[in-house]
Amino acid sequence: NVSQDFAVSSEEAIDIAKMKLIDEISDLTNNGNFEGECYLKVLGESGSDFRQLFWAFSIVSRDGQTYNVIISASDGSVLAGD
């Protein structure tokens, strides 16, 4: 289980992504209910033998809008996000 070696856990990655997407998330909340789907995936650099891993967090809204954040699994830095 490669994820046991992550410096940034899945829970921490979700928290980092929530902070990055705070404006988008607030727009998807209606009466305290979140109106979207969230996905968290592990990404590895092609040909890296899993030496460098990333968390990919995505939100898909009911109208099909997507928001994505790529987070380093080694230090929690946000590498990309919209």
C-alpha atoms as a PDB file:
ATOM      1  CA  ASN A   1       0.000   0.000   0.000  1.00  0.00           C
ATOM      2  CA  VAL A   2       1.949   2.985  -1.315  1.00  0.00           C
ATOM      3  CA  SER A   3      -0.379   5.489   0.389  1.00  0.00           C
ATOM      4  CA  GLN A   4       0.938   4.507   3.831  1.00  0.00           C
ATOM      5  CA  ASP A   5       4.180   6.268   2.884  1.00  0.00           C
ATOM      6  CA  PHE A   6       2.505   9.566   1.981  1.00  0.00           C
ATOM      7  CA  ALA A   7       3.591  12.600   3.976  1.00  0.00           C
ATOM      8  CA  VAL A   8       0.159  14.090   3.190  1.00  0.00           C
ATOM      9  CA  SER A   9      -2.794  11.824   4.026  1.00  0.00           C
ATOM     10  CA  SER A  10      -5.974  11.636   1.996  1.00  0.00           C
ATOM     11  CA  GLU A  11      -7.800  13.612   4.709  1.00  0.00           C
ATOM     12  CA  GLU A  12      -5.144  16.333   4.620  1.00  0.00           C
ATOM     13  CA  ALA A  13      -5.316  16.443   0.811  1.00  0.00           C
ATOM     14  CA  ILE A  14      -9.078  16.963   0.964  1.00  0.00           C
ATOM     15  CA  ASP A  15      -8.625  19.786   3.491  1.00  0.00           C
ATOM     16  CA  ILE A  16      -6.007  21.453   1.263  1.00  0.00           C
ATOM     17  CA  ALA A  17      -8.290  21.140  -1.771  1.00  0.00           C
ATOM     18  CA  LYS A  18     -11.268  22.542   0.169  1.00  0.00           C
ATOM     19  CA  MET A  19      -9.234  25.632   1.071  1.00  0.00           C
ATOM     20  CA  LYS A  20      -8.119  26.072  -2.552  1.00  0.00           C
ATOM     21  CA  LEU A  21     -11.705  25.705  -3.846  1.00  0.00           C
ATOM     22  CA  ILE A  22     -13.480  27.538  -1.001  1.00  0.00           C
ATOM     23  CA  ASP A  23     -15.280  29.993  -3.316  1.00  0.00           C
ATOM     24  CA  GLU A  24     -16.439  27.262  -5.685  1.00  0.00           C
ATOM     25  CA  ILE A  25     -17.586  25.050  -2.816  1.00  0.00           C
ATOM     26  CA  SER A  26     -19.615  27.829  -1.238  1.00  0.00           C
ATOM     27  CA  ASP A  27     -21.414  28.351  -4.563  1.00  0.00           C
ATOM     28  CA  LEU A  28     -22.349  24.640  -4.573  1.00  0.00           C
ATOM     29  CA  THR A  29     -23.898  24.693  -1.117  1.00  0.00           C
ATOM     30  CA  ASN A  30     -27.657  25.133  -0.816  1.00  0.00           C
ATOM     31  CA  ASN A  31     -29.312  25.211   2.624  1.00  0.00           C
ATOM     32  CA  GLY A  32     -26.319  23.426   4.124  1.00  0.00           C
ATOM     33  CA  ASN A  33     -26.320  20.670   1.480  1.00  0.00           C
ATOM     34  CA  PHE A  34     -23.414  20.188  -0.897  1.00  0.00           C
ATOM     35  CA  GLU A  35     -24.741  19.824  -4.447  1.00  0.00           C
ATOM     36  CA  GLY A  36     -21.888  18.079  -6.194  1.00  0.00           C
ATOM     37  CA  GLU A  37     -19.705  14.998  -6.263  1.00  0.00           C
ATOM     38  CA  CYS A  38     -16.119  14.774  -5.009  1.00  0.00           C
ATOM     39  CA  TYR A  39     -13.382  12.446  -6.197  1.00  0.00           C
ATOM     40  CA  LEU A  40      -9.882  11.854  -4.825  1.00  0.00           C
ATOM     41  CA  LYS A  41      -7.358   9.885  -6.871  1.00  0.00           C
ATOM     42  CA  VAL A  42      -3.674   9.046  -6.616  1.00  0.00           C
ATOM     43  CA  LEU A  43      -1.542  10.081  -9.579  1.00  0.00           C
ATOM     44  CA  GLY A  44       1.973   8.907 -10.354  1.00  0.00           C
ATOM     45  CA  GLU A  45       4.363  10.475 -12.790  1.00  0.00           C
ATOM     46  CA  SER A  46       4.620   8.365 -15.921  1.00  0.00           C
ATOM     47  CA  GLY A  47       7.631   6.060 -15.733  1.00  0.00           C
ATOM     48  CA  SER A  48       8.518   7.175 -12.206  1.00  0.00           C
ATOM     49  CA  ASP A  49       7.974   3.833 -10.456  1.00  0.00           C
ATOM     50  CA  PHE A  50       5.813   5.782  -8.002  1.00  0.00           C
ATOM     51  CA  ARG A  51       8.725   7.876  -6.731  1.00  0.00           C
ATOM     52  CA  GLN A  52       6.674  11.043  -7.081  1.00  0.00           C
ATOM     53  CA  LEU A  53       2.985  10.841  -6.216  1.00  0.00           C
ATOM     54  CA  PHE A  54       0.170  13.360  -6.273  1.00  0.00           C
ATOM     55  CA  TRP A  55      -3.377  13.663  -5.019  1.00  0.00           C
ATOM     56  CA  ALA A  56      -5.915  14.683  -7.671  1.00  0.00           C
ATOM     57  CA  PHE A  57      -9.077  16.124  -6.131  1.00  0.00           C
ATOM     58  CA  SER A  58     -12.073  16.890  -8.357  1.00  0.00           C
ATOM     59  CA  ILE A  59     -15.523  18.303  -7.821  1.00  0.00           C
ATOM     60  CA  VAL A  60     -18.301  17.902 -10.372  1.00  0.00           C
ATOM     61  CA  SER A  61     -21.349  20.132  -9.912  1.00  0.00           C
ATOM     62  CA  ARG A  62     -24.898  19.195 -10.822  1.00  0.00           C
ATOM     63  CA  ASP A  63     -24.650  21.297 -13.988  1.00  0.00           C
ATOM     64  CA  GLY A  64     -21.452  19.496 -15.080  1.00  0.00           C
ATOM     65  CA  GLN A  65     -18.944  22.170 -14.049  1.00  0.00           C
ATOM     66  CA  THR A  66     -15.671  20.650 -12.836  1.00  0.00           C
ATOM     67  CA  TYR A  67     -13.054  21.973 -10.418  1.00  0.00           C
ATOM     68  CA  ASN A  68      -9.685  20.280  -9.963  1.00  0.00           C
ATOM     69  CA  VAL A  69      -6.710  20.506  -7.631  1.00  0.00           C
ATOM     70  CA  ILE A  70      -3.416  18.596  -7.907  1.00  0.00           C
ATOM     71  CA  ILE A  71      -1.541  18.288  -4.605  1.00  0.00           C
ATOM     72  CA  SER A  72       1.933  16.921  -3.917  1.00  0.00           C
ATOM     73  CA  ALA A  73       1.688  13.827  -1.696  1.00  0.00           C
ATOM     74  CA  SER A  74       5.151  14.574  -0.315  1.00  0.00           C
ATOM     75  CA  ASP A  75       4.709  18.160   0.928  1.00  0.00           C
ATOM     76  CA  GLY A  76       1.090  19.251   0.371  1.00  0.00           C
ATOM     77  CA  SER A  77       1.895  21.976  -2.115  1.00  0.00           C
ATOM     78  CA  VAL A  78      -0.803  22.814  -4.649  1.00  0.00           C
ATOM     79  CA  LEU A  79       0.652  22.229  -8.098  1.00  0.00           C
ATOM     80  CA  ALA A  80      -2.430  23.099 -10.119  1.00  0.00           C
ATOM     81  CA  GLY A  81      -5.949  24.175  -9.388  1.00  0.00           C
ATOM     82  CA  ASP A  82      -8.943  25.903 -10.857  1.00  0.00           C
END
